[in-house]
N, C-alpha and C. Protein backbone atom coordinates (compact mmCIF):
# COMPACT_ATOMS: atom_id res chain seq x y z
N MET A 1 -0.61 9.65 21.49
CA MET A 1 -1.00 9.44 20.10
C MET A 1 0.21 8.93 19.32
N ALA A 2 0.01 7.98 18.42
CA ALA A 2 1.10 7.41 17.64
C ALA A 2 1.63 8.44 16.65
N GLU A 3 2.93 8.36 16.42
CA GLU A 3 3.56 9.29 15.49
C GLU A 3 3.18 8.94 14.06
N ARG A 4 2.97 9.96 13.26
CA ARG A 4 2.59 9.78 11.86
C ARG A 4 3.85 9.58 11.01
N GLU A 5 3.81 8.60 10.13
CA GLU A 5 4.93 8.36 9.22
C GLU A 5 4.40 7.94 7.86
N CYS A 6 5.31 7.91 6.89
CA CYS A 6 4.96 7.48 5.53
C CYS A 6 5.95 6.42 5.07
N ARG A 7 5.43 5.42 4.39
CA ARG A 7 6.26 4.37 3.79
C ARG A 7 5.80 4.13 2.36
N LYS A 8 6.78 3.90 1.49
CA LYS A 8 6.49 3.58 0.10
C LYS A 8 6.85 2.12 -0.15
N TYR A 9 5.93 1.41 -0.77
CA TYR A 9 6.11 -0.02 -1.03
C TYR A 9 6.13 -0.28 -2.53
N SER A 10 6.94 -1.24 -2.93
CA SER A 10 6.93 -1.76 -4.28
C SER A 10 6.60 -3.24 -4.17
N ILE A 11 5.50 -3.64 -4.79
CA ILE A 11 5.03 -5.02 -4.68
C ILE A 11 5.12 -5.67 -6.05
N THR A 12 5.81 -6.81 -6.11
CA THR A 12 5.97 -7.52 -7.38
C THR A 12 5.30 -8.89 -7.30
N GLY A 13 5.05 -9.44 -8.47
CA GLY A 13 4.38 -10.73 -8.60
C GLY A 13 3.17 -10.54 -9.49
N ARG A 14 2.17 -11.37 -9.30
CA ARG A 14 0.91 -11.22 -10.04
C ARG A 14 0.03 -10.26 -9.23
N VAL A 15 0.24 -8.96 -9.48
CA VAL A 15 -0.42 -7.94 -8.66
C VAL A 15 -1.21 -6.92 -9.49
N GLN A 16 -1.21 -7.10 -10.80
CA GLN A 16 -2.03 -6.24 -11.65
C GLN A 16 -3.14 -7.09 -12.26
N GLY A 17 -4.33 -6.51 -12.35
CA GLY A 17 -5.47 -7.23 -12.92
C GLY A 17 -6.11 -8.21 -11.95
N VAL A 18 -5.79 -8.06 -10.65
CA VAL A 18 -6.34 -8.97 -9.63
C VAL A 18 -6.98 -8.19 -8.48
N PHE A 19 -7.36 -6.94 -8.74
CA PHE A 19 -8.00 -6.06 -7.76
C PHE A 19 -7.07 -5.67 -6.61
N PHE A 20 -5.74 -5.68 -6.88
CA PHE A 20 -4.78 -5.35 -5.82
C PHE A 20 -4.94 -3.90 -5.37
N ARG A 21 -5.00 -2.96 -6.33
CA ARG A 21 -5.12 -1.54 -5.95
C ARG A 21 -6.41 -1.26 -5.19
N ALA A 22 -7.52 -1.74 -5.71
CA ALA A 22 -8.81 -1.48 -5.06
C ALA A 22 -8.87 -2.11 -3.67
N SER A 23 -8.37 -3.33 -3.55
CA SER A 23 -8.36 -4.00 -2.25
C SER A 23 -7.43 -3.30 -1.28
N THR A 24 -6.27 -2.85 -1.76
CA THR A 24 -5.33 -2.11 -0.91
C THR A 24 -5.98 -0.82 -0.41
N ALA A 25 -6.65 -0.11 -1.29
CA ALA A 25 -7.32 1.13 -0.90
C ALA A 25 -8.38 0.87 0.15
N GLU A 26 -9.14 -0.20 0.01
CA GLU A 26 -10.18 -0.52 0.98
C GLU A 26 -9.57 -0.81 2.36
N VAL A 27 -8.51 -1.62 2.38
CA VAL A 27 -7.85 -1.93 3.65
C VAL A 27 -7.26 -0.67 4.27
N ALA A 28 -6.58 0.13 3.44
CA ALA A 28 -5.94 1.36 3.94
C ALA A 28 -6.98 2.34 4.50
N ARG A 29 -8.08 2.50 3.80
CA ARG A 29 -9.13 3.41 4.28
C ARG A 29 -9.73 2.91 5.60
N ASP A 30 -9.93 1.60 5.70
CA ASP A 30 -10.45 1.03 6.94
C ASP A 30 -9.50 1.28 8.11
N LEU A 31 -8.20 1.35 7.81
CA LEU A 31 -7.19 1.60 8.84
C LEU A 31 -6.97 3.09 9.10
N GLY A 32 -7.62 3.95 8.30
CA GLY A 32 -7.46 5.39 8.47
C GLY A 32 -6.17 5.94 7.89
N LEU A 33 -5.61 5.24 6.89
CA LEU A 33 -4.36 5.67 6.27
C LEU A 33 -4.62 6.54 5.06
N ALA A 34 -3.67 7.41 4.75
CA ALA A 34 -3.70 8.22 3.54
C ALA A 34 -2.63 7.68 2.60
N GLY A 35 -2.78 7.97 1.30
CA GLY A 35 -1.77 7.55 0.34
C GLY A 35 -2.38 7.17 -0.98
N TYR A 36 -1.74 6.22 -1.65
CA TYR A 36 -2.21 5.79 -2.97
C TYR A 36 -1.69 4.39 -3.28
N ALA A 37 -2.31 3.78 -4.28
CA ALA A 37 -1.86 2.52 -4.87
C ALA A 37 -1.95 2.69 -6.38
N VAL A 38 -0.83 2.51 -7.09
CA VAL A 38 -0.81 2.70 -8.54
C VAL A 38 -0.07 1.54 -9.21
N ASN A 39 -0.55 1.19 -10.41
CA ASN A 39 0.15 0.23 -11.24
C ASN A 39 1.34 0.92 -11.91
N LEU A 40 2.45 0.21 -11.99
CA LEU A 40 3.63 0.72 -12.69
C LEU A 40 3.82 -0.04 -13.99
N PRO A 41 4.49 0.58 -14.97
CA PRO A 41 4.67 -0.06 -16.27
C PRO A 41 5.39 -1.42 -16.22
N ASP A 42 6.20 -1.65 -15.21
CA ASP A 42 6.95 -2.92 -15.11
C ASP A 42 6.11 -4.07 -14.55
N GLY A 43 4.82 -3.82 -14.27
CA GLY A 43 3.95 -4.87 -13.77
C GLY A 43 3.82 -4.90 -12.25
N SER A 44 4.56 -4.04 -11.57
CA SER A 44 4.48 -3.98 -10.11
C SER A 44 3.43 -2.96 -9.69
N VAL A 45 3.16 -2.91 -8.40
CA VAL A 45 2.26 -1.93 -7.82
C VAL A 45 3.05 -1.13 -6.79
N GLU A 46 2.88 0.20 -6.83
CA GLU A 46 3.50 1.08 -5.84
C GLU A 46 2.42 1.56 -4.89
N VAL A 47 2.73 1.49 -3.60
CA VAL A 47 1.80 1.92 -2.56
C VAL A 47 2.50 2.92 -1.65
N LEU A 48 1.87 4.06 -1.42
CA LEU A 48 2.31 5.01 -0.41
C LEU A 48 1.29 4.95 0.71
N ALA A 49 1.76 4.72 1.93
CA ALA A 49 0.87 4.66 3.09
C ALA A 49 1.39 5.61 4.16
N CYS A 50 0.50 6.50 4.63
CA CYS A 50 0.86 7.48 5.65
C CYS A 50 -0.16 7.42 6.78
N GLY A 51 0.36 7.43 7.99
CA GLY A 51 -0.51 7.38 9.16
C GLY A 51 0.22 6.86 10.36
N ALA A 52 -0.54 6.34 11.31
CA ALA A 52 0.04 5.81 12.54
C ALA A 52 0.86 4.55 12.22
N GLU A 53 2.01 4.44 12.87
CA GLU A 53 2.92 3.32 12.61
C GLU A 53 2.25 1.96 12.79
N ASP A 54 1.44 1.80 13.83
CA ASP A 54 0.81 0.50 14.05
C ASP A 54 -0.17 0.14 12.94
N LYS A 55 -0.84 1.14 12.38
CA LYS A 55 -1.77 0.89 11.27
C LYS A 55 -1.01 0.57 9.99
N ILE A 56 0.12 1.23 9.77
CA ILE A 56 0.95 0.94 8.60
C ILE A 56 1.48 -0.49 8.68
N GLU A 57 1.84 -0.93 9.87
CA GLU A 57 2.32 -2.31 10.05
C GLU A 57 1.25 -3.32 9.66
N VAL A 58 0.00 -3.03 10.01
CA VAL A 58 -1.11 -3.92 9.64
C VAL A 58 -1.23 -3.98 8.12
N LEU A 59 -1.17 -2.82 7.45
CA LEU A 59 -1.25 -2.80 5.99
C LEU A 59 -0.08 -3.55 5.39
N GLN A 60 1.11 -3.36 5.93
CA GLN A 60 2.29 -4.02 5.38
C GLN A 60 2.13 -5.54 5.43
N LYS A 61 1.62 -6.06 6.51
CA LYS A 61 1.37 -7.51 6.61
C LYS A 61 0.38 -7.95 5.54
N TRP A 62 -0.66 -7.14 5.33
CA TRP A 62 -1.65 -7.47 4.30
C TRP A 62 -1.03 -7.46 2.91
N LEU A 63 -0.14 -6.48 2.64
CA LEU A 63 0.50 -6.37 1.33
C LEU A 63 1.31 -7.62 0.97
N ASN A 64 1.80 -8.32 1.96
CA ASN A 64 2.58 -9.53 1.70
C ASN A 64 1.76 -10.66 1.09
N HIS A 65 0.42 -10.54 1.16
CA HIS A 65 -0.48 -11.55 0.59
C HIS A 65 -1.42 -10.95 -0.45
N GLY A 66 -1.93 -9.77 -0.17
CA GLY A 66 -2.85 -9.11 -1.08
C GLY A 66 -4.19 -9.82 -1.16
N PRO A 67 -4.99 -9.48 -2.16
CA PRO A 67 -6.31 -10.10 -2.33
C PRO A 67 -6.15 -11.55 -2.81
N PRO A 68 -7.24 -12.32 -2.76
CA PRO A 68 -7.16 -13.76 -3.06
C PRO A 68 -6.53 -14.12 -4.41
N MET A 69 -6.77 -13.34 -5.45
CA MET A 69 -6.25 -13.70 -6.78
C MET A 69 -4.79 -13.28 -6.98
N ALA A 70 -4.23 -12.50 -6.09
CA ALA A 70 -2.84 -12.03 -6.22
C ALA A 70 -1.87 -13.13 -5.84
N GLN A 71 -0.67 -13.03 -6.41
CA GLN A 71 0.45 -13.89 -6.04
C GLN A 71 1.64 -12.97 -5.79
N VAL A 72 1.78 -12.52 -4.56
CA VAL A 72 2.85 -11.58 -4.20
C VAL A 72 4.17 -12.33 -4.12
N GLU A 73 5.16 -11.83 -4.85
CA GLU A 73 6.50 -12.43 -4.82
C GLU A 73 7.42 -11.68 -3.86
N HIS A 74 7.32 -10.34 -3.85
CA HIS A 74 8.24 -9.55 -3.03
C HIS A 74 7.60 -8.20 -2.69
N VAL A 75 7.86 -7.75 -1.47
CA VAL A 75 7.42 -6.42 -1.04
C VAL A 75 8.65 -5.68 -0.53
N ASP A 76 8.97 -4.57 -1.19
CA ASP A 76 10.08 -3.71 -0.77
C ASP A 76 9.48 -2.50 -0.07
N CYS A 77 10.06 -2.11 1.06
CA CYS A 77 9.55 -0.99 1.85
C CYS A 77 10.64 0.03 2.09
N GLN A 78 10.31 1.30 1.86
CA GLN A 78 11.23 2.40 2.12
C GLN A 78 10.50 3.50 2.87
N PRO A 79 11.07 4.02 3.96
CA PRO A 79 10.46 5.18 4.62
C PRO A 79 10.62 6.41 3.72
N VAL A 80 9.65 7.28 3.72
CA VAL A 80 9.72 8.49 2.91
C VAL A 80 9.30 9.69 3.74
N ASP A 81 9.79 10.87 3.36
CA ASP A 81 9.46 12.09 4.06
C ASP A 81 8.42 12.92 3.32
N ASP A 82 7.91 12.38 2.21
CA ASP A 82 6.93 13.12 1.41
C ASP A 82 5.70 13.47 2.25
N PRO A 83 5.13 14.64 2.01
CA PRO A 83 3.88 14.95 2.72
C PRO A 83 2.77 14.00 2.28
N ALA A 84 1.96 13.63 3.21
CA ALA A 84 0.88 12.68 2.92
C ALA A 84 -0.24 13.38 2.16
N PRO A 85 -0.77 12.70 1.16
CA PRO A 85 -1.96 13.23 0.48
C PRO A 85 -3.17 13.09 1.40
N SER A 86 -4.26 13.72 1.05
CA SER A 86 -5.48 13.52 1.83
C SER A 86 -6.21 12.33 1.25
N GLY A 87 -6.69 11.46 2.10
CA GLY A 87 -7.41 10.27 1.65
C GLY A 87 -6.49 9.24 1.03
N PHE A 88 -7.09 8.20 0.46
CA PHE A 88 -6.34 7.13 -0.19
C PHE A 88 -6.92 6.92 -1.57
N THR A 89 -6.06 7.01 -2.60
CA THR A 89 -6.52 6.94 -3.98
C THR A 89 -5.87 5.79 -4.73
N THR A 90 -6.46 5.45 -5.86
CA THR A 90 -5.87 4.50 -6.79
C THR A 90 -5.68 5.23 -8.10
N GLY A 91 -4.63 4.92 -8.80
CA GLY A 91 -4.35 5.63 -10.05
C GLY A 91 -4.25 4.72 -11.21
């Protein structure tokens, strides 16, 4: 079984008001990941993804493009030790 890990992402560009959080949650849930996607005051989106490393890698690749209306400029990734929430939420 793959080891469970958590990664926190900061995504910048045109990522608010383009269904980025909802689309991220849908992809993450389909992959069986736990975490969240939230808008930040600076216009970026923060994503916490916890689960199997191979599934997180799939989400990370998706985050580099996002939904059709998004224009992702940069994705920063940091491993975190925070306990994973249950399910995947948007805030």
